[in-house]
């Protein structure tokens, strides 16, 4: 399926990122003044904003330069799709990304900054905790990075790619309206590993344990989908077993119908993968029959004088980009001056 994309095929996630940033193009805010913390939208003070800018800079500096590769990728996407910008002069949008991996039922932060002189893939791996609090599901202590373009988001996606098990790349959109109303939209892009037939792969040791955990997670996901489907047909249906795996805990809101969910299933047209293909199609068949009500987007009214609305530029697009870069640099330098004054 080639989710992250490459020079040959654009992939699903780059297409999704291009769509998101095109829709929000005229309303993207270029300073981290709002952040989603433990499921709640929080205004960041100057010191906190400076810290987020420093984290962002460190991680983007670790990313290899995509250069012409991104231009080719963007061109491929725009040849296949026509994405439209949604104009809303009363709204500012802040975009954050995070990347989590579920490996042997352990939750790892793929964007955690490694210690000095340590490569991204070689850094220590801390098992993080999935928390459910007042209807919100989040990973406690997970790194969330403020981004301004689809290229930056894609760089961080490729930086965090590690293993072939479950990886969930999340894009959080925090929208602030002039009236003081804030809303949150999250895109969870989940790349699921295929089911592992131990007798076919011949795996042993750690790889055998990994294969068993992959099968267990897929089995639990199947049970959750089946329970969600049954719940629509009868009143006293079984409880959906979200907590039986880390994967379904992360997807709990979607499986409960509180978020929109779409599943893309791929098969391998080879005889020896008949059973795997059949299981994948059964997954798709169950998921196709699940119809949830339209989820309600919760709104919060917050007033904060320190949040400056993103000003629209009347210049051409090139001038806009340059002005945004200068604006960001000014914000960063002001915060740095304030920090030095307090040191």
C-alpha atoms as a PDB file:
ATOM      1  CA  UNK A   1       0.000   0.000   0.000  1.00  0.00           C
ATOM      2  CA  UNK A   2       3.073   2.203   0.391  1.00  0.00           C
ATOM      3  CA  UNK A   3       1.494   4.515   2.975  1.00  0.00           C
ATOM      4  CA  UNK A   4       4.468   6.898   3.498  1.00  0.00           C
ATOM      5  CA  UNK A   5       5.115   7.265  -0.245  1.00  0.00           C
ATOM      6  CA  UNK A   6       8.334   7.402  -2.250  1.00  0.00           C
ATOM      7  CA  UNK A   7       9.626   8.739  -5.567  1.00  0.00           C
ATOM      8  CA  UNK A   8       7.650   6.087  -7.482  1.00  0.00           C
ATOM      9  CA  UNK A   9       4.291   6.101  -5.681  1.00  0.00           C
ATOM     10  CA  UNK A  10       2.840   8.996  -3.685  1.00  0.00           C
ATOM     11  CA  UNK A  11       1.274   6.814  -0.990  1.00  0.00           C
ATOM     12  CA  UNK A  12      -1.835   7.380   1.114  1.00  0.00           C
ATOM     13  CA  UNK A  13      -0.455   9.453   3.998  1.00  0.00           C
ATOM     14  CA  UNK A  14       1.307  12.088   1.812  1.00  0.00           C
ATOM     15  CA  UNK A  15      -1.952  12.510  -0.138  1.00  0.00           C
ATOM     16  CA  UNK A  16      -3.861  12.994   3.122  1.00  0.00           C
ATOM     17  CA  UNK A  17      -1.302  15.543   4.380  1.00  0.00           C
ATOM     18  CA  UNK A  18      -1.415  17.476   1.105  1.00  0.00           C
ATOM     19  CA  UNK A  19      -5.209  17.599   1.321  1.00  0.00           C
ATOM     20  CA  UNK A  20      -5.211  18.785   4.955  1.00  0.00           C
ATOM     21  CA  UNK A  21      -2.701  21.571   4.373  1.00  0.00           C
ATOM     22  CA  UNK A  22      -4.365  22.687   1.141  1.00  0.00           C
ATOM     23  CA  UNK A  23      -7.746  22.996   2.867  1.00  0.00           C
ATOM     24  CA  UNK A  24      -6.200  25.043   5.704  1.00  0.00           C
ATOM     25  CA  UNK A  25      -3.695  26.933   3.547  1.00  0.00           C
ATOM     26  CA  UNK A  26      -5.064  30.438   4.183  1.00  0.00           C
ATOM     27  CA  UNK A  27      -5.720  29.914   7.893  1.00  0.00           C
ATOM     28  CA  UNK A  28      -2.574  28.109   9.138  1.00  0.00           C
ATOM     29  CA  UNK A  29      -1.205  29.907  12.206  1.00  0.00           C
ATOM     30  CA  UNK A  30       2.570  30.136  12.376  1.00  0.00           C
ATOM     31  CA  UNK A  31       3.256  30.196  16.114  1.00  0.00           C
ATOM     32  CA  UNK A  32       2.522  27.416  18.674  1.00  0.00           C
ATOM     33  CA  UNK A  33       0.046  29.245  20.920  1.00  0.00           C
ATOM     34  CA  UNK A  34      -2.449  26.371  21.248  1.00  0.00           C
ATOM     35  CA  UNK A  35      -1.662  22.744  22.042  1.00  0.00           C
ATOM     36  CA  UNK A  36      -3.613  19.592  22.821  1.00  0.00           C
ATOM     37  CA  UNK A  37      -2.408  18.394  26.243  1.00  0.00           C
ATOM     38  CA  UNK A  38      -3.966  15.287  27.822  1.00  0.00           C
ATOM     39  CA  UNK A  39      -6.975  15.622  25.544  1.00  0.00           C
ATOM     40  CA  UNK A  40      -7.615  19.307  26.338  1.00  0.00           C
ATOM     41  CA  UNK A  41      -6.840  22.412  24.245  1.00  0.00           C
ATOM     42  CA  UNK A  42      -4.446  24.640  26.196  1.00  0.00           C
ATOM     43  CA  UNK A  43      -3.102  28.138  25.485  1.00  0.00           C
ATOM     44  CA  UNK A  44       0.693  28.201  25.752  1.00  0.00           C
ATOM     45  CA  UNK A  45       2.509  31.018  27.525  1.00  0.00           C
ATOM     46  CA  UNK A  46       5.668  32.486  25.974  1.00  0.00           C
ATOM     47  CA  UNK A  47       8.086  30.109  27.751  1.00  0.00           C
ATOM     48  CA  UNK A  48       6.055  27.075  26.702  1.00  0.00           C
ATOM     49  CA  UNK A  49       5.840  28.341  23.108  1.00  0.00           C
ATOM     50  CA  UNK A  50       9.610  28.804  23.020  1.00  0.00           C
ATOM     51  CA  UNK A  51      10.109  25.237  24.264  1.00  0.00           C
ATOM     52  CA  UNK A  52       7.843  23.907  21.502  1.00  0.00           C
ATOM     53  CA  UNK A  53       9.778  25.868  18.867  1.00  0.00           C
ATOM     54  CA  UNK A  54      13.034  24.399  20.191  1.00  0.00           C
ATOM     55  CA  UNK A  55      11.671  20.829  20.057  1.00  0.00           C
ATOM     56  CA  UNK A  56      10.387  21.458  16.543  1.00  0.00           C
ATOM     57  CA  UNK A  57      13.772  22.798  15.394  1.00  0.00           C
ATOM     58  CA  UNK A  58      15.716  19.875  16.918  1.00  0.00           C
ATOM     59  CA  UNK A  59      13.546  17.258  15.239  1.00  0.00           C
ATOM     60  CA  UNK A  60      13.414  18.963  11.845  1.00  0.00           C
ATOM     61  CA  UNK A  61      17.215  19.331  11.961  1.00  0.00           C
ATOM     62  CA  UNK A  62      17.418  15.534  12.346  1.00  0.00           C
ATOM     63  CA  UNK A  63      15.311  15.019   9.216  1.00  0.00           C
ATOM     64  CA  UNK A  64      17.132  14.454   5.907  1.00  0.00           C
ATOM     65  CA  UNK A  65      16.419  17.162   3.344  1.00  0.00           C
ATOM     66  CA  UNK A  66      13.764  15.993   0.880  1.00  0.00           C
ATOM     67  CA  UNK A  67      14.450  18.773  -1.641  1.00  0.00           C
ATOM     68  CA  UNK A  68      13.541  17.733  -5.172  1.00  0.00           C
ATOM     69  CA  UNK A  69      12.075  14.479  -3.857  1.00  0.00           C
ATOM     70  CA  UNK A  70       9.236  16.359  -2.164  1.00  0.00           C
ATOM     71  CA  UNK A  71       8.608  18.452  -5.274  1.00  0.00           C
ATOM     72  CA  UNK A  72       8.200  15.276  -7.367  1.00  0.00           C
ATOM     73  CA  UNK A  73       5.936  13.756  -4.735  1.00  0.00           C
ATOM     74  CA  UNK A  74       3.793  16.898  -4.552  1.00  0.00           C
ATOM     75  CA  UNK A  75       3.561  17.014  -8.339  1.00  0.00           C
ATOM     76  CA  UNK A  76       2.395  13.377  -8.496  1.00  0.00           C
ATOM     77  CA  UNK A  77      -0.311  14.074  -5.905  1.00  0.00           C
ATOM     78  CA  UNK A  78      -1.573  17.233  -7.612  1.00  0.00           C
ATOM     79  CA  UNK A  79      -1.730  15.439 -10.962  1.00  0.00           C
ATOM     80  CA  UNK A  80      -4.058  12.835  -9.418  1.00  0.00           C
ATOM     81  CA  UNK A  81      -6.165  15.096  -7.197  1.00  0.00           C
ATOM     82  CA  UNK A  82      -7.663  18.567  -7.085  1.00  0.00           C
ATOM     83  CA  UNK A  83      -7.672  19.778  -3.501  1.00  0.00           C
ATOM     84  CA  UNK A  84      -9.468  23.039  -2.715  1.00  0.00           C
ATOM     85  CA  UNK A  85      -8.606  25.652  -0.099  1.00  0.00           C
ATOM     86  CA  UNK A  86     -11.372  26.394   2.401  1.00  0.00           C
ATOM     87  CA  UNK A  87     -11.527  30.142   3.034  1.00  0.00           C
ATOM     88  CA  UNK A  88     -12.447  31.348   6.527  1.00  0.00           C
ATOM     89  CA  UNK A  89     -11.101  34.752   7.514  1.00  0.00           C
ATOM     90  CA  UNK A  90     -12.391  34.365  11.092  1.00  0.00           C
ATOM     91  CA  UNK A  91     -10.454  31.192  11.817  1.00  0.00           C
ATOM     92  CA  UNK A  92      -6.855  30.287  12.639  1.00  0.00           C
ATOM     93  CA  UNK A  93      -5.620  26.684  12.513  1.00  0.00           C
ATOM     94  CA  UNK A  94      -2.649  25.232  14.400  1.00  0.00           C
ATOM     95  CA  UNK A  95      -1.387  21.824  13.241  1.00  0.00           C
ATOM     96  CA  UNK A  96       0.537  19.301  15.366  1.00  0.00           C
ATOM     97  CA  UNK A  97       1.737  15.787  14.548  1.00  0.00           C
ATOM     98  CA  UNK A  98       2.715  12.796  16.678  1.00  0.00           C
ATOM     99  CA  UNK A  99       3.879   9.297  15.793  1.00  0.00           C
ATOM    100  CA  UNK A 100       3.433   6.237  17.980  1.00  0.00           C
ATOM    101  CA  UNK A 101       4.390   2.599  17.472  1.00  0.00           C
ATOM    102  CA  UNK A 102       2.854  -0.479  19.085  1.00  0.00           C
ATOM    103  CA  UNK A 103       5.520  -3.162  19.272  1.00  0.00           C
ATOM    104  CA  UNK A 104       4.879  -6.393  21.186  1.00  0.00           C
ATOM    105  CA  UNK A 105       2.018  -4.600  23.005  1.00  0.00           C
ATOM    106  CA  UNK A 106       4.398  -1.832  24.125  1.00  0.00           C
ATOM    107  CA  UNK A 107       3.729   1.779  23.129  1.00  0.00           C
ATOM    108  CA  UNK A 108       6.761   3.738  21.866  1.00  0.00           C
ATOM    109  CA  UNK A 109       7.166   7.390  20.905  1.00  0.00           C
ATOM    110  CA  UNK A 110       8.738   7.488  17.430  1.00  0.00           C
ATOM    111  CA  UNK A 111       9.459  11.231  17.649  1.00  0.00           C
ATOM    112  CA  UNK A 112      11.149  11.246  21.056  1.00  0.00           C
ATOM    113  CA  UNK A 113      14.355  13.297  20.798  1.00  0.00           C
ATOM    114  CA  UNK A 114      17.319  10.909  21.268  1.00  0.00           C
ATOM    115  CA  UNK A 115      20.246  11.685  23.613  1.00  0.00           C
ATOM    116  CA  UNK A 116      23.182  13.611  22.147  1.00  0.00           C
ATOM    117  CA  UNK A 117      25.346  11.698  19.656  1.00  0.00           C
ATOM    118  CA  UNK A 118      22.677   9.006  19.356  1.00  0.00           C
ATOM    119  CA  UNK A 119      20.789   8.255  16.154  1.00  0.00           C
ATOM    120  CA  UNK A 120      16.993   8.398  16.110  1.00  0.00           C
ATOM    121  CA  UNK A 121      16.620   4.622  15.786  1.00  0.00           C
ATOM    122  CA  UNK A 122      19.180   3.948  18.545  1.00  0.00           C
ATOM    123  CA  UNK A 123      17.624   6.059  21.295  1.00  0.00           C
ATOM    124  CA  UNK A 124      16.126   4.500  24.452  1.00  0.00           C
ATOM    125  CA  UNK A 125      12.553   3.275  24.145  1.00  0.00           C
ATOM    126  CA  UNK A 126      10.199   4.073  26.990  1.00  0.00           C
ATOM    127  CA  UNK A 127       6.912   2.216  27.240  1.00  0.00           C
ATOM    128  CA  UNK A 128       4.190   4.883  27.348  1.00  0.00           C
ATOM    129  CA  UNK A 129       0.761   4.574  28.911  1.00  0.00           C
ATOM    130  CA  UNK A 130      -2.541   4.931  27.053  1.00  0.00           C
ATOM    131  CA  UNK A 131      -4.943   6.975  29.187  1.00  0.00           C
ATOM    132  CA  UNK A 132      -8.729   7.305  28.950  1.00  0.00           C
ATOM    133  CA  UNK A 133     -10.008  10.439  30.677  1.00  0.00           C
ATOM    134  CA  UNK A 134     -13.479  11.999  30.377  1.00  0.00           C
ATOM    135  CA  UNK A 135     -14.069  10.669  26.889  1.00  0.00           C
ATOM    136  CA  UNK A 136     -10.559  11.452  25.630  1.00  0.00           C
ATOM    137  CA  UNK A 137      -7.989   8.794  24.719  1.00  0.00           C
ATOM    138  CA  UNK A 138      -4.360   9.909  24.635  1.00  0.00           C
ATOM    139  CA  UNK A 139      -0.825   8.604  25.124  1.00  0.00           C
ATOM    140  CA  UNK A 140       0.705  10.183  28.211  1.00  0.00           C
ATOM    141  CA  UNK A 141       4.089  11.800  27.553  1.00  0.00           C
ATOM    142  CA  UNK A 142       3.887  11.453  23.757  1.00  0.00           C
ATOM    143  CA  UNK A 143       5.865  14.036  21.758  1.00  0.00           C
ATOM    144  CA  UNK A 144       3.667  16.331  19.675  1.00  0.00           C
ATOM    145  CA  UNK A 145       5.403  18.555  17.106  1.00  0.00           C
ATOM    146  CA  UNK A 146       4.129  21.866  15.724  1.00  0.00           C
ATOM    147  CA  UNK A 147       4.273  21.905  11.901  1.00  0.00           C
ATOM    148  CA  UNK A 148       3.571  24.519   9.234  1.00  0.00           C
ATOM    149  CA  UNK A 149       3.541  22.540   5.985  1.00  0.00           C
ATOM    150  CA  UNK A 150       2.856  19.106   4.549  1.00  0.00           C
ATOM    151  CA  UNK A 151       6.577  18.801   3.767  1.00  0.00           C
ATOM    152  CA  UNK A 152       7.491  19.211   7.447  1.00  0.00           C
ATOM    153  CA  UNK A 153       4.856  16.660   8.488  1.00  0.00           C
ATOM    154  CA  UNK A 154       6.115  14.186   5.888  1.00  0.00           C
ATOM    155  CA  UNK A 155       9.725  14.677   7.026  1.00  0.00           C
ATOM    156  CA  UNK A 156       8.723  13.769  10.583  1.00  0.00           C
ATOM    157  CA  UNK A 157       6.768  10.751   9.337  1.00  0.00           C
ATOM    158  CA  UNK A 158       9.827   9.406   7.528  1.00  0.00           C
ATOM    159  CA  UNK A 159      12.083  10.260  10.479  1.00  0.00           C
ATOM    160  CA  UNK A 160       9.966   8.153  12.807  1.00  0.00           C
ATOM    161  CA  UNK A 161       9.583   5.092  10.592  1.00  0.00           C
ATOM    162  CA  UNK A 162      11.167   2.161  12.400  1.00  0.00           C
ATOM    163  CA  UNK A 163       9.569  -1.285  12.254  1.00  0.00           C
ATOM    164  CA  UNK A 164       6.846  -3.050  10.305  1.00  0.00           C
ATOM    165  CA  UNK A 165       4.294  -3.474  13.124  1.00  0.00           C
ATOM    166  CA  UNK A 166       1.523  -1.039  14.003  1.00  0.00           C
ATOM    167  CA  UNK A 167       2.259   2.656  13.645  1.00  0.00           C
ATOM    168  CA  UNK A 168      -0.253   5.462  14.224  1.00  0.00           C
ATOM    169  CA  UNK A 169       0.594   8.883  12.766  1.00  0.00           C
ATOM    170  CA  UNK A 170      -1.735  11.519  14.210  1.00  0.00           C
ATOM    171  CA  UNK A 171      -2.426  14.985  12.816  1.00  0.00           C
ATOM    172  CA  UNK A 172      -4.201  17.303  15.269  1.00  0.00           C
ATOM    173  CA  UNK A 173      -5.920  20.436  13.948  1.00  0.00           C
ATOM    174  CA  UNK A 174      -6.740  23.038  16.588  1.00  0.00           C
ATOM    175  CA  UNK A 175      -9.079  25.709  15.265  1.00  0.00           C
ATOM    176  CA  UNK A 176      -9.477  29.076  16.971  1.00  0.00           C
ATOM    177  CA  UNK A 177     -12.294  31.409  15.942  1.00  0.00           C
ATOM    178  CA  UNK A 178     -12.361  35.167  16.541  1.00  0.00           C
ATOM    179  CA  UNK A 179     -15.439  34.614  18.701  1.00  0.00           C
ATOM    180  CA  UNK A 180     -13.268  32.654  21.149  1.00  0.00           C
ATOM    181  CA  UNK A 181     -14.578  29.206  20.168  1.00  0.00           C
ATOM    182  CA  UNK A 182     -11.959  26.473  19.784  1.00  0.00           C
ATOM    183  CA  UNK A 183     -12.479  23.063  18.189  1.00  0.00           C
ATOM    184  CA  UNK A 184     -10.258  20.044  17.661  1.00  0.00           C
ATOM    185  CA  UNK A 185     -10.050  17.645  14.711  1.00  0.00           C
ATOM    186  CA  UNK A 186      -7.694  14.671  14.708  1.00  0.00           C
ATOM    187  CA  UNK A 187      -6.650  12.428  11.838  1.00  0.00           C
ATOM    188  CA  UNK A 188      -5.269   9.077  13.021  1.00  0.00           C
ATOM    189  CA  UNK A 189      -3.498   7.394  10.105  1.00  0.00           C
ATOM    190  CA  UNK A 190      -2.910   3.807  11.178  1.00  0.00           C
ATOM    191  CA  UNK A 191      -0.704   1.433   9.186  1.00  0.00           C
ATOM    192  CA  UNK A 192      -1.561  -2.140  10.224  1.00  0.00           C
ATOM    193  CA  UNK A 193       0.852  -5.010   9.756  1.00  0.00           C
ATOM    194  CA  UNK A 194      -0.541  -8.036   7.923  1.00  0.00           C
ATOM    195  CA  UNK A 195      -1.468 -11.214   9.759  1.00  0.00           C
ATOM    196  CA  UNK A 196       1.475 -13.536  10.345  1.00  0.00           C
ATOM    197  CA  UNK A 197       1.205 -17.259   9.631  1.00  0.00           C
ATOM    198  CA  UNK A 198       3.918 -18.708  11.868  1.00  0.00           C
ATOM    199  CA  UNK A 199       4.108 -22.001   9.990  1.00  0.00           C
ATOM    200  CA  UNK A 200       4.668 -20.124   6.695  1.00  0.00           C
ATOM    201  CA  UNK A 201       7.167 -17.556   7.923  1.00  0.00           C
ATOM    202  CA  UNK A 202       9.193 -20.013   9.999  1.00  0.00           C
ATOM    203  CA  UNK A 203       9.885 -17.365  12.645  1.00  0.00           C
ATOM    204  CA  UNK A 204      11.380 -18.166  16.043  1.00  0.00           C
ATOM    205  CA  UNK A 205      12.348 -16.334  19.231  1.00  0.00           C
ATOM    206  CA  UNK A 206      11.615 -12.587  19.300  1.00  0.00           C
ATOM    207  CA  UNK A 207      10.162 -12.613  15.780  1.00  0.00           C
ATOM    208  CA  UNK A 208       7.786 -15.412  16.823  1.00  0.00           C
ATOM    209  CA  UNK A 209       6.607 -13.342  19.811  1.00  0.00           C
ATOM    210  CA  UNK A 210       6.112 -10.328  17.533  1.00  0.00           C
ATOM    211  CA  UNK A 211       4.093 -12.413  15.047  1.00  0.00           C
ATOM    212  CA  UNK A 212       1.843 -13.732  17.836  1.00  0.00           C
ATOM    213  CA  UNK A 213       1.219 -10.205  19.136  1.00  0.00           C
ATOM    214  CA  UNK A 214       0.352  -9.016  15.615  1.00  0.00           C
ATOM    215  CA  UNK A 215      -2.161 -11.829  15.275  1.00  0.00           C
ATOM    216  CA  UNK A 216      -3.617 -11.088  18.733  1.00  0.00           C
ATOM    217  CA  UNK A 217      -4.086  -7.378  17.943  1.00  0.00           C
ATOM    218  CA  UNK A 218      -5.761  -8.160  14.618  1.00  0.00           C
ATOM    219  CA  UNK A 219      -7.993 -10.722  16.317  1.00  0.00           C
ATOM    220  CA  UNK A 220      -9.071  -8.167  18.960  1.00  0.00           C
ATOM    221  CA  UNK A 221      -9.688  -5.546  16.260  1.00  0.00           C
ATOM    222  CA  UNK A 222     -11.873  -8.084  14.443  1.00  0.00           C
ATOM    223  CA  UNK A 223     -13.823  -8.785  17.643  1.00  0.00           C
ATOM    224  CA  UNK A 224     -14.330  -5.036  18.197  1.00  0.00           C
ATOM    225  CA  UNK A 225     -15.609  -4.560  14.648  1.00  0.00           C
ATOM    226  CA  UNK A 226     -17.911  -7.553  15.022  1.00  0.00           C
ATOM    227  CA  UNK A 227     -19.234  -6.252  18.364  1.00  0.00           C
ATOM    228  CA  UNK A 228     -19.809  -2.784  16.874  1.00  0.00           C
ATOM    229  CA  UNK A 229     -21.715  -4.352  13.988  1.00  0.00           C
ATOM    230  CA  UNK A 230     -23.821  -6.503  16.338  1.00  0.00           C
ATOM    231  CA  UNK A 231     -24.574  -3.516  18.609  1.00  0.00           C
ATOM    232  CA  UNK A 232     -26.406  -1.842  15.743  1.00  0.00           C
ATOM    233  CA  UNK A 233     -28.723  -4.817  15.297  1.00  0.00           C
ATOM    234  CA  UNK A 234     -29.766  -5.562  18.892  1.00  0.00           C
ATOM    235  CA  UNK A 235     -30.109  -3.629  22.128  1.00  0.00           C
ATOM    236  CA  UNK A 236     -28.376  -5.981  24.577  1.00  0.00           C
ATOM    237  CA  UNK A 237     -25.207  -6.498  22.561  1.00  0.00           C
ATOM    238  CA  UNK A 238     -21.861  -7.483  24.045  1.00  0.00           C
ATOM    239  CA  UNK A 239     -19.526  -4.753  25.268  1.00  0.00           C
ATOM    240  CA  UNK A 240     -16.917  -3.813  22.660  1.00  0.00           C
ATOM    241  CA  UNK A 241     -13.577  -5.206  24.007  1.00  0.00           C
ATOM    242  CA  UNK A 242     -11.431  -2.086  23.450  1.00  0.00           C
ATOM    243  CA  UNK A 243      -9.071  -2.798  26.330  1.00  0.00           C
ATOM    244  CA  UNK A 244      -7.967  -6.225  25.097  1.00  0.00           C
ATOM    245  CA  UNK A 245      -5.152  -4.714  23.002  1.00  0.00           C
ATOM    246  CA  UNK A 246      -3.183  -1.449  22.841  1.00  0.00           C
ATOM    247  CA  UNK A 247      -4.209  -0.922  19.218  1.00  0.00           C
ATOM    248  CA  UNK A 248      -7.947  -1.003  19.940  1.00  0.00           C
ATOM    249  CA  UNK A 249      -7.449   1.197  23.014  1.00  0.00           C
ATOM    250  CA  UNK A 250      -5.978   3.873  20.727  1.00  0.00           C
ATOM    251  CA  UNK A 251      -8.832   3.466  18.241  1.00  0.00           C
ATOM    252  CA  UNK A 252     -11.514   3.339  20.936  1.00  0.00           C
ATOM    253  CA  UNK A 253     -13.286   6.582  19.994  1.00  0.00           C
ATOM    254  CA  UNK A 254     -13.533   5.550  16.335  1.00  0.00           C
ATOM    255  CA  UNK A 255     -14.749   2.038  17.175  1.00  0.00           C
ATOM    256  CA  UNK A 256     -17.407   3.586  19.437  1.00  0.00           C
ATOM    257  CA  UNK A 257     -18.674   5.801  16.619  1.00  0.00           C
ATOM    258  CA  UNK A 258     -17.430   9.061  18.174  1.00  0.00           C
ATOM    259  CA  UNK A 259     -15.028   9.614  15.275  1.00  0.00           C
ATOM    260  CA  UNK A 260     -15.288   8.853  11.572  1.00  0.00           C
ATOM    261  CA  UNK A 261     -13.360   5.767  10.494  1.00  0.00           C
ATOM    262  CA  UNK A 262     -12.384   4.396   7.092  1.00  0.00           C
ATOM    263  CA  UNK A 263     -10.516   1.162   6.383  1.00  0.00           C
ATOM    264  CA  UNK A 264      -8.446   0.410   3.286  1.00  0.00           C
ATOM    265  CA  UNK A 265      -7.760  -3.304   2.821  1.00  0.00           C
ATOM    266  CA  UNK A 266      -5.122  -4.754   0.504  1.00  0.00           C
ATOM    267  CA  UNK A 267      -4.629  -8.358  -0.604  1.00  0.00           C
ATOM    268  CA  UNK A 268      -1.774 -10.293  -2.185  1.00  0.00           C
ATOM    269  CA  UNK A 269      -2.947 -12.130  -5.351  1.00  0.00           C
ATOM    270  CA  UNK A 270      -0.876 -15.274  -4.687  1.00  0.00           C
ATOM    271  CA  UNK A 271      -2.298 -18.743  -3.951  1.00  0.00           C
ATOM    272  CA  UNK A 272      -0.280 -19.353  -0.789  1.00  0.00           C
ATOM    273  CA  UNK A 273      -1.827 -16.246   0.830  1.00  0.00           C
ATOM    274  CA  UNK A 274      -5.398 -17.463   0.281  1.00  0.00           C
ATOM    275  CA  UNK A 275      -6.241 -17.649   4.003  1.00  0.00           C
ATOM    276  CA  UNK A 276      -4.704 -14.232   4.755  1.00  0.00           C
ATOM    277  CA  UNK A 277      -6.604 -12.666   1.855  1.00  0.00           C
ATOM    278  CA  UNK A 278      -9.841 -14.293   3.031  1.00  0.00           C
ATOM    279  CA  UNK A 279      -9.330 -12.906   6.555  1.00  0.00           C
ATOM    280  CA  UNK A 280      -8.649  -9.432   5.142  1.00  0.00           C
ATOM    281  CA  UNK A 281     -11.822  -9.557   3.049  1.00  0.00           C
ATOM    282  CA  UNK A 282     -13.829 -10.719   6.082  1.00  0.00           C
ATOM    283  CA  UNK A 283     -12.494  -7.685   7.953  1.00  0.00           C
ATOM    284  CA  UNK A 284     -13.597  -5.446   5.110  1.00  0.00           C
ATOM    285  CA  UNK A 285     -17.027  -7.086   4.926  1.00  0.00           C
ATOM    286  CA  UNK A 286     -17.723  -6.508   8.628  1.00  0.00           C
ATOM    287  CA  UNK A 287     -16.406  -2.926   8.561  1.00  0.00           C
ATOM    288  CA  UNK A 288     -18.479  -2.082   5.481  1.00  0.00           C
ATOM    289  CA  UNK A 289     -21.716  -2.928   7.289  1.00  0.00           C
ATOM    290  CA  UNK A 290     -21.006  -0.656  10.273  1.00  0.00           C
ATOM    291  CA  UNK A 291     -22.817   2.678  10.013  1.00  0.00           C
ATOM    292  CA  UNK A 292     -22.390   5.167  12.854  1.00  0.00           C
ATOM    293  CA  UNK A 293     -24.289   8.388  13.412  1.00  0.00           C
ATOM    294  CA  UNK A 294     -22.521  11.604  12.425  1.00  0.00           C
ATOM    295  CA  UNK A 295     -20.122  12.408  15.322  1.00  0.00           C
ATOM    296  CA  UNK A 296     -20.719  15.662  17.200  1.00  0.00           C
ATOM    297  CA  UNK A 297     -17.811  18.142  17.219  1.00  0.00           C
ATOM    298  CA  UNK A 298     -17.468  19.654  20.681  1.00  0.00           C
ATOM    299  CA  UNK A 299     -16.829  23.389  20.910  1.00  0.00           C
ATOM    300  CA  UNK A 300     -15.104  25.265  23.731  1.00  0.00           C
ATOM    301  CA  UNK A 301     -15.265  29.004  24.316  1.00  0.00           C
ATOM    302  CA  UNK A 302     -11.964  30.498  25.479  1.00  0.00           C
ATOM    303  CA  UNK A 303     -10.822  34.107  25.625  1.00  0.00           C
ATOM    304  CA  UNK A 304      -7.103  34.889  25.617  1.00  0.00           C
ATOM    305  CA  UNK A 305      -5.693  38.322  24.811  1.00  0.00           C
ATOM    306  CA  UNK A 306      -2.210  37.008  24.048  1.00  0.00           C
ATOM    307  CA  UNK A 307      -3.405  35.041  21.023  1.00  0.00           C
ATOM    308  CA  UNK A 308      -2.863  37.214  17.938  1.00  0.00           C
ATOM    309  CA  UNK A 309      -5.048  36.346  14.972  1.00  0.00           C
ATOM    310  CA  UNK A 310      -3.194  35.341  11.864  1.00  0.00           C
ATOM    311  CA  UNK A 311      -3.177  38.383   9.574  1.00  0.00           C
ATOM    312  CA  UNK A 312      -3.907  37.867   5.903  1.00  0.00           C
ATOM    313  CA  UNK A 313      -1.412  39.253   3.416  1.00  0.00           C
ATOM    314  CA  UNK A 314      -2.578  40.942   0.235  1.00  0.00           C
ATOM    315  CA  UNK A 315       0.660  40.158  -1.582  1.00  0.00           C
ATOM    316  CA  UNK A 316       1.174  37.260  -3.980  1.00  0.00           C
ATOM    317  CA  UNK A 317       1.701  33.696  -2.768  1.00  0.00           C
ATOM    318  CA  UNK A 318       5.488  33.966  -2.769  1.00  0.00           C
ATOM    319  CA  UNK A 319       5.269  37.131  -0.690  1.00  0.00           C
ATOM    320  CA  UNK A 320       2.900  35.381   1.706  1.00  0.00           C
ATOM    321  CA  UNK A 321       5.344  32.559   2.341  1.00  0.00           C
ATOM    322  CA  UNK A 322       8.236  34.956   2.903  1.00  0.00           C
ATOM    323  CA  UNK A 323       6.140  37.103   5.265  1.00  0.00           C
ATOM    324  CA  UNK A 324       5.147  34.006   7.249  1.00  0.00           C
ATOM    325  CA  UNK A 325       8.783  32.983   7.627  1.00  0.00           C
ATOM    326  CA  UNK A 326       9.692  36.466   8.869  1.00  0.00           C
ATOM    327  CA  UNK A 327       6.754  36.487  11.273  1.00  0.00           C
ATOM    328  CA  UNK A 328       7.841  33.164  12.719  1.00  0.00           C
ATOM    329  CA  UNK A 329      11.417  34.379  13.091  1.00  0.00           C
ATOM    330  CA  UNK A 330      10.228  37.507  14.936  1.00  0.00           C
ATOM    331  CA  UNK A 331       8.132  35.425  17.347  1.00  0.00           C
ATOM    332  CA  UNK A 332      11.049  33.078  18.014  1.00  0.00           C
ATOM    333  CA  UNK A 333      13.508  35.941  18.638  1.00  0.00           C
ATOM    334  CA  UNK A 334      11.115  37.739  20.980  1.00  0.00           C
ATOM    335  CA  UNK A 335      10.636  34.593  23.027  1.00  0.00           C
ATOM    336  CA  UNK A 336      14.392  34.030  23.118  1.00  0.00           C
ATOM    337  CA  UNK A 337      14.940  37.605  24.373  1.00  0.00           C
ATOM    338  CA  UNK A 338      12.369  37.067  27.141  1.00  0.00           C
ATOM    339  CA  UNK A 339      14.025  33.810  28.155  1.00  0.00           C
ATOM    340  CA  UNK A 340      17.464  35.441  28.341  1.00  0.00           C
ATOM    341  CA  UNK A 341      16.057  38.265  30.487  1.00  0.00           C
ATOM    342  CA  UNK A 342      14.850  35.735  33.039  1.00  0.00           C
ATOM    343  CA  UNK A 343      18.109  33.727  33.094  1.00  0.00           C
END
